[in-house]
Amino acid sequence: MNGAMEDLLREGLDRLTAEVGVPAGIAGKARAHLRRRKIAVRAALAGGTAAVTAAAVVAATGTGQGAPGLAGAHTAAYVISNVENALAATNEVVQTETFFSAPYPPVIGWVYRTDSRLAQSGFIPPAMAQGMPWAQGRVNWAVGTTRVHGRRIYARIDYRHHRWANAGILGFAPSGCATRLDIVEFNGPANWAPYLRQALACGLFKVTGHAQVNGVETIKLTGSMTERHFWSQLPHGEGSGPLQVDAALYVNPKTYLPVLVIWNNRTHYRDGRPLDGTVREDITALPPTPGNIAKANVSVPSGFRKVPSSTFGGPVWPYFTSG
């Protein structure tokens, strides 16, 4: 996706690593998230910036529900209905690239029908992964669908340390209007069709204009939400007060496939200082060639040892960047 969608943030991770213990620290949220609303939203907070700014990618060309041109001709219901149909009909491999304002490596994902894979490789500053020794320094891991002894499972693989573990189911099930804008932000391979259907029913998005995204004119949908009890769900959270999530979703009007989503997350430290962060996801539809389809699964290399799921995590998805 190449657009600005900032409203889909938190519930998804609950399922991504349901079997993983909740590590201390914001970086570990990705794991805790997988246990519905029990996200360990704490570790990944240390200064630094990443390539998450949309300014270089998005150029607004209209605002407001009644803006002239492309957006003015469509309602949120019309756009989302077409997006839902396009996603349900596509036979392409959907690739996502997720970038964080915190200095963490990006997470790359691939989805093809019911298969999916997420991968993260790079360096995580040890100070930003306190309490998670498995996430300090160089990391190279993946999580996704595979077959072991003829049985389809979800597996997590640590390529650096030659080990693997069972993983929780990737994906999420929208739950009425408890569905929040942040549910896809940390969901891994997003199940966009049911999410958008529920988001529309709950009035989470509206058409606000159109914009150029990487040279393509898109329809822009935006939404906002406030999670007033975000920090109360975390036993040792660094913050206090509500979490404000603003999302922007950009849709290609020719294919009705999302191209970009950007989430802005804002809250406060316990002492009142601002605490915020940005998560950006670029989305690309790839042709269903054998090579691209293969990207939507993981494989357990020969000789890798199986270990308990609590031994390591990954990928890691930070919500915030500390000031």
Protein backbone atom coordinates (compact mmCIF):
# COMPACT_ATOMS: atom_id res chain seq x y z
CA MET A 1 0.00 0.00 0.00
CA ASN A 2 1.27 3.46 -0.83
CA GLY A 3 -0.97 5.85 1.06
CA ALA A 4 -1.55 7.32 4.42
CA MET A 5 -3.53 5.09 6.70
CA GLU A 6 -2.85 5.82 10.33
CA ASP A 7 -5.76 4.26 12.13
CA LEU A 8 -5.10 0.55 12.21
CA LEU A 9 -2.78 -0.02 15.12
CA ARG A 10 -2.90 -2.51 17.87
CA GLU A 11 -4.96 -5.72 18.11
CA GLY A 12 -3.30 -7.62 15.29
CA LEU A 13 -0.21 -8.68 17.14
CA ASP A 14 -2.32 -10.57 19.63
CA ARG A 15 -2.41 -13.40 17.13
CA LEU A 16 0.98 -13.02 15.54
CA THR A 17 2.86 -14.72 18.35
CA ALA A 18 0.20 -16.09 20.60
CA GLU A 19 2.60 -18.61 22.01
CA VAL A 20 5.37 -16.14 22.75
CA GLY A 21 5.84 -14.91 26.28
CA VAL A 22 5.35 -11.18 26.70
CA PRO A 23 8.85 -9.72 27.05
CA ALA A 24 9.56 -6.55 28.94
CA GLY A 25 10.01 -3.48 26.84
CA ILE A 26 8.22 -1.70 24.03
CA ALA A 27 9.98 -3.63 21.36
CA GLY A 28 8.35 -6.69 22.75
CA LYS A 29 4.95 -5.38 22.06
CA ALA A 30 4.83 -7.18 18.87
CA ARG A 31 4.72 -10.37 20.82
CA ALA A 32 2.42 -9.33 23.58
CA HIS A 33 0.03 -7.88 21.12
CA LEU A 34 -0.70 -11.31 19.96
CA ARG A 35 -2.56 -11.92 23.16
CA ARG A 36 -5.49 -9.68 22.54
CA ARG A 37 -4.87 -6.25 24.00
CA LYS A 38 -1.99 -7.51 26.11
CA ILE A 39 0.64 -5.88 23.96
CA ALA A 40 4.02 -5.36 25.52
CA VAL A 41 4.11 -1.85 24.19
CA ARG A 42 7.27 -0.68 25.80
CA ALA A 43 10.71 -1.56 24.59
CA ALA A 44 11.29 0.10 21.27
CA LEU A 45 11.58 3.62 22.51
CA ALA A 46 14.94 5.22 21.97
CA GLY A 47 15.76 8.28 19.99
CA GLY A 48 16.41 8.16 16.33
CA THR A 49 14.52 8.53 13.11
CA ALA A 50 13.66 6.16 10.30
CA ALA A 51 12.41 6.53 6.76
CA VAL A 52 8.82 6.83 7.85
CA THR A 53 7.94 10.32 6.72
CA ALA A 54 5.25 10.42 4.12
CA ALA A 55 6.09 13.93 3.02
CA ALA A 56 8.56 12.70 0.44
CA VAL A 57 6.06 10.23 -0.92
CA VAL A 58 2.64 11.84 -0.59
CA ALA A 59 1.63 15.14 -2.16
CA ALA A 60 -1.88 16.21 -1.23
CA THR A 61 -3.97 17.60 -4.06
CA GLY A 62 -7.34 17.96 -2.43
CA THR A 63 -9.01 17.85 0.98
CA GLY A 64 -12.48 17.58 2.34
CA GLN A 65 -15.41 15.31 1.62
CA GLY A 66 -16.57 17.65 -1.09
CA ALA A 67 -13.20 18.24 -2.69
CA PRO A 68 -13.39 18.55 -6.47
CA GLY A 69 -12.11 15.81 -8.72
CA LEU A 70 -11.44 12.22 -7.79
CA ALA A 71 -12.36 12.18 -4.10
CA GLY A 72 -15.42 14.34 -4.49
CA ALA A 73 -17.11 11.69 -6.63
CA HIS A 74 -16.80 8.94 -4.03
CA THR A 75 -18.04 8.19 -0.55
CA ALA A 76 -16.17 6.09 1.98
CA ALA A 77 -18.77 3.33 1.54
CA TYR A 78 -18.25 3.28 -2.24
CA VAL A 79 -14.45 3.27 -1.99
CA ILE A 80 -14.20 0.65 0.75
CA SER A 81 -16.73 -1.60 -0.98
CA ASN A 82 -14.59 -1.52 -4.12
CA VAL A 83 -11.39 -2.10 -2.12
CA GLU A 84 -12.98 -5.08 -0.42
CA ASN A 85 -14.05 -6.57 -3.75
CA ALA A 86 -10.62 -5.94 -5.29
CA LEU A 87 -8.84 -7.63 -2.42
CA ALA A 88 -11.18 -10.61 -2.51
CA ALA A 89 -10.73 -11.04 -6.27
CA THR A 90 -7.00 -10.51 -6.59
CA ASN A 91 -4.78 -13.48 -7.36
CA GLU A 92 -1.64 -11.45 -6.83
CA VAL A 93 0.95 -11.72 -4.10
CA VAL A 94 0.53 -8.75 -1.76
CA GLN A 95 3.85 -7.42 -0.51
CA THR A 96 4.04 -5.05 2.46
CA GLU A 97 7.02 -3.06 3.70
CA THR A 98 6.59 -1.61 7.18
CA PHE A 99 8.88 1.18 8.41
CA PHE A 100 9.12 2.67 11.91
CA SER A 101 10.13 6.08 13.22
CA ALA A 102 12.06 4.21 15.92
CA PRO A 103 15.42 2.91 14.65
CA TYR A 104 14.30 -0.65 14.06
CA PRO A 105 14.77 -2.68 10.87
CA PRO A 106 11.73 -2.68 8.57
CA VAL A 107 9.42 -5.69 8.42
CA ILE A 108 8.72 -7.13 4.98
CA GLY A 109 5.64 -9.29 4.43
CA TRP A 110 4.10 -11.39 1.66
CA VAL A 111 0.56 -12.77 1.49
CA TYR A 112 -0.84 -15.16 -1.11
CA ARG A 113 -4.32 -16.52 -0.48
CA THR A 114 -4.05 -18.20 2.95
CA ASP A 115 -0.25 -18.26 3.06
CA SER A 116 1.87 -15.51 4.60
CA ARG A 117 5.36 -14.66 5.75
CA LEU A 118 6.99 -11.79 7.67
CA ALA A 119 10.73 -11.16 7.74
CA GLN A 120 12.99 -8.72 9.59
CA SER A 121 16.75 -8.41 9.25
CA GLY A 122 19.12 -5.77 10.57
CA PHE A 123 20.47 -4.23 13.75
CA ILE A 124 18.46 -3.39 16.88
CA PRO A 125 20.32 -1.18 19.39
CA PRO A 126 20.63 -3.22 22.62
CA ALA A 127 19.46 -0.26 24.70
CA MET A 128 16.17 -0.34 22.82
CA ALA A 129 15.52 -4.00 23.54
CA GLN A 130 16.07 -4.21 27.27
CA GLY A 131 14.60 -7.37 28.72
CA MET A 132 14.72 -9.06 25.32
CA PRO A 133 18.22 -10.46 24.85
CA TRP A 134 17.09 -12.30 21.71
CA ALA A 135 16.33 -8.94 20.06
CA GLN A 136 19.59 -7.15 20.85
CA GLY A 137 22.10 -6.58 18.08
CA ARG A 138 21.93 -8.31 14.71
CA VAL A 139 18.66 -10.09 13.96
CA ASN A 140 17.54 -12.17 11.01
CA TRP A 141 14.26 -13.99 11.42
CA ALA A 142 10.93 -14.80 9.81
CA VAL A 143 7.51 -16.07 10.82
CA GLY A 144 4.87 -17.58 8.58
CA THR A 145 3.15 -20.62 7.16
CA THR A 146 5.01 -23.80 6.32
CA ARG A 147 4.66 -27.57 6.33
CA VAL A 148 6.41 -29.80 8.83
CA HIS A 149 5.98 -33.59 8.51
CA GLY A 150 3.16 -32.95 6.06
CA ARG A 151 1.21 -30.71 8.45
CA ARG A 152 0.58 -27.02 7.79
CA ILE A 153 1.72 -24.90 10.74
CA TYR A 154 2.93 -21.40 11.59
CA ALA A 155 6.63 -21.34 12.39
CA ARG A 156 9.10 -18.74 13.60
CA ILE A 157 12.72 -19.08 12.41
CA ASP A 158 15.90 -17.49 13.80
CA TYR A 159 18.40 -17.76 10.97
CA ARG A 160 21.33 -16.32 12.94
CA HIS A 161 21.13 -18.92 15.69
CA HIS A 162 19.90 -21.85 13.57
CA ARG A 163 16.72 -22.51 15.53
CA TRP A 164 12.96 -22.48 15.02
CA ALA A 165 9.76 -22.62 17.06
CA ASN A 166 6.02 -22.91 16.63
CA ALA A 167 4.19 -19.60 16.25
CA GLY A 168 0.66 -18.40 16.78
CA ILE A 169 -1.76 -17.89 13.91
CA LEU A 170 -1.10 -14.81 11.81
CA GLY A 171 -4.08 -12.60 11.22
CA PHE A 172 -7.01 -11.26 13.18
CA ALA A 173 -10.77 -11.40 13.35
CA PRO A 174 -12.52 -8.03 13.59
CA SER A 175 -14.81 -7.90 16.57
CA GLY A 176 -17.69 -5.52 16.14
CA CYS A 177 -16.96 -1.87 16.76
CA ALA A 178 -14.33 -2.88 19.28
CA THR A 179 -12.24 -3.06 16.12
CA ARG A 180 -9.81 -0.18 16.31
CA LEU A 181 -7.88 1.69 13.67
CA ASP A 182 -4.65 0.21 14.97
CA ILE A 183 -5.70 -3.41 14.53
CA VAL A 184 -3.80 -3.80 11.27
CA GLU A 185 -0.77 -1.69 12.22
CA PHE A 186 0.78 -4.56 14.13
CA ASN A 187 -1.12 -7.42 12.62
CA GLY A 188 1.54 -8.55 10.25
CA PRO A 189 0.00 -9.64 6.95
CA ALA A 190 -3.17 -7.62 7.13
CA ASN A 191 -6.51 -9.24 6.37
CA TRP A 192 -7.74 -6.03 4.83
CA ALA A 193 -11.10 -7.11 3.43
CA PRO A 194 -12.84 -7.99 6.72
CA TYR A 195 -11.08 -5.15 8.52
CA LEU A 196 -12.27 -2.52 6.07
CA ARG A 197 -15.78 -3.97 6.07
CA GLN A 198 -15.95 -3.62 9.84
CA ALA A 199 -14.22 -0.23 9.84
CA LEU A 200 -16.82 1.07 7.41
CA ALA A 201 -19.70 -0.28 9.49
CA CYS A 202 -18.25 1.45 12.54
CA GLY A 203 -17.67 4.74 10.73
CA LEU A 204 -13.91 4.70 11.27
CA PHE A 205 -12.96 6.15 7.87
CA LYS A 206 -14.09 8.97 5.64
CA VAL A 207 -12.94 10.19 2.23
CA THR A 208 -10.95 13.39 2.73
CA GLY A 209 -9.45 14.12 -0.67
CA HIS A 210 -6.92 12.73 -3.08
CA ALA A 211 -3.13 12.79 -3.29
CA GLN A 212 -0.18 11.81 -5.41
CA VAL A 213 1.59 8.75 -3.99
CA ASN A 214 4.79 7.86 -5.83
CA GLY A 215 3.43 9.64 -8.87
CA VAL A 216 0.03 7.91 -8.79
CA GLU A 217 -3.14 9.82 -7.99
CA THR A 218 -4.96 8.10 -5.14
CA ILE A 219 -8.11 8.45 -3.07
CA LYS A 220 -7.35 9.38 0.53
CA LEU A 221 -9.34 8.05 3.48
CA THR A 222 -8.60 9.12 7.05
CA GLY A 223 -9.73 8.20 10.52
CA SER A 224 -8.92 8.85 14.17
CA MET A 225 -9.51 7.01 17.41
CA THR A 226 -8.61 7.31 21.07
CA GLU A 227 -7.78 4.34 23.29
CA ARG A 228 -8.33 5.72 26.78
CA HIS A 229 -7.22 2.59 28.62
CA PHE A 230 -4.14 1.75 26.56
CA TRP A 231 -1.58 2.07 29.36
CA SER A 232 -3.76 0.53 32.04
CA GLN A 233 -3.49 -2.76 30.13
CA LEU A 234 0.30 -2.76 30.58
CA PRO A 235 1.63 -3.61 34.05
CA HIS A 236 4.83 -1.55 33.71
CA GLY A 237 4.15 0.87 30.89
CA GLU A 238 6.31 3.99 30.48
CA GLY A 239 3.34 6.14 29.58
CA SER A 240 0.05 7.38 30.92
CA GLY A 241 -3.16 8.79 29.56
CA PRO A 242 -4.94 7.84 26.33
CA LEU A 243 -3.38 6.72 23.05
CA GLN A 244 -4.44 8.77 20.03
CA VAL A 245 -4.15 7.05 16.66
CA ASP A 246 -4.59 8.91 13.37
CA ALA A 247 -4.52 6.93 10.16
CA ALA A 248 -4.51 7.71 6.46
CA LEU A 249 -5.19 5.13 3.77
CA TYR A 250 -4.44 5.76 0.09
CA VAL A 251 -6.24 3.72 -2.58
CA ASN A 252 -5.47 3.41 -6.28
CA PRO A 253 -8.74 4.40 -8.03
CA LYS A 254 -8.00 2.16 -11.03
CA THR A 255 -7.39 -1.08 -9.15
CA TYR A 256 -8.97 -0.15 -5.79
CA LEU A 257 -6.03 -1.75 -4.03
CA PRO A 258 -4.47 0.14 -1.09
CA VAL A 259 -0.99 1.43 -1.81
CA LEU A 260 0.07 3.13 1.43
CA VAL A 261 -0.96 3.33 5.06
CA ILE A 262 0.47 5.60 7.74
CA TRP A 263 -0.34 5.47 11.44
CA ASN A 264 0.57 8.29 13.84
CA ASN A 265 0.50 7.27 17.50
CA ARG A 266 0.48 9.89 20.26
CA THR A 267 0.43 9.59 24.02
CA HIS A 268 2.52 10.82 27.03
CA TYR A 269 5.22 9.58 29.34
CA ARG A 270 4.28 9.33 33.00
CA ASP A 271 5.90 12.71 33.61
CA GLY A 272 3.78 14.34 30.92
CA ARG A 273 6.37 14.55 28.14
CA PRO A 274 5.04 13.74 24.65
CA LEU A 275 5.53 10.18 23.44
CA ASP A 276 4.76 9.49 19.82
CA GLY A 277 5.76 7.47 16.80
CA THR A 278 4.89 6.72 13.20
CA VAL A 279 4.42 3.42 11.41
CA ARG A 280 4.27 3.39 7.63
CA GLU A 281 3.36 0.50 5.36
CA ASP A 282 3.94 0.49 1.60
CA ILE A 283 1.83 -2.08 -0.25
CA THR A 284 2.58 -3.58 -3.65
CA ALA A 285 0.72 -6.22 -5.67
CA LEU A 286 3.16 -8.67 -7.29
CA PRO A 287 2.32 -11.04 -10.17
CA PRO A 288 1.66 -14.63 -8.99
CA THR A 289 4.84 -16.11 -10.43
CA PRO A 290 6.23 -19.25 -8.75
CA GLY A 291 9.02 -17.16 -7.23
CA ASN A 292 6.65 -14.58 -5.75
CA ILE A 293 4.24 -17.22 -4.44
CA ALA A 294 7.15 -18.96 -2.70
CA LYS A 295 7.83 -15.75 -0.77
CA ALA A 296 4.54 -16.23 1.12
CA ASN A 297 5.86 -19.22 3.08
CA VAL A 298 8.78 -19.94 5.36
CA SER A 299 10.89 -23.09 5.32
CA VAL A 300 12.77 -24.68 8.17
CA PRO A 301 16.38 -25.20 7.00
CA SER A 302 17.93 -28.59 7.52
CA GLY A 303 19.83 -28.84 10.79
CA PHE A 304 17.92 -26.07 12.60
CA ARG A 305 16.91 -27.18 16.11
CA LYS A 306 13.40 -26.75 17.46
CA VAL A 307 13.18 -24.73 20.68
CA PRO A 308 10.36 -23.49 22.96
CA SER A 309 8.43 -20.58 21.53
CA SER A 310 9.42 -18.40 24.48
CA THR A 311 13.11 -18.66 23.55
CA PHE A 312 13.01 -15.90 20.97
CA GLY A 313 10.61 -13.56 19.23
CA GLY A 314 10.64 -11.48 16.10
CA PRO A 315 9.71 -9.57 14.17
CA VAL A 316 9.62 -6.60 16.52
CA TRP A 317 7.18 -3.71 15.88
CA PRO A 318 7.73 -0.50 17.89
CA TYR A 319 4.86 1.93 18.40
CA PHE A 320 6.87 4.90 19.54
CA THR A 321 10.11 6.82 19.27
CA SER A 322 11.31 8.36 22.51
CA GLY A 323 12.02 12.06 22.58
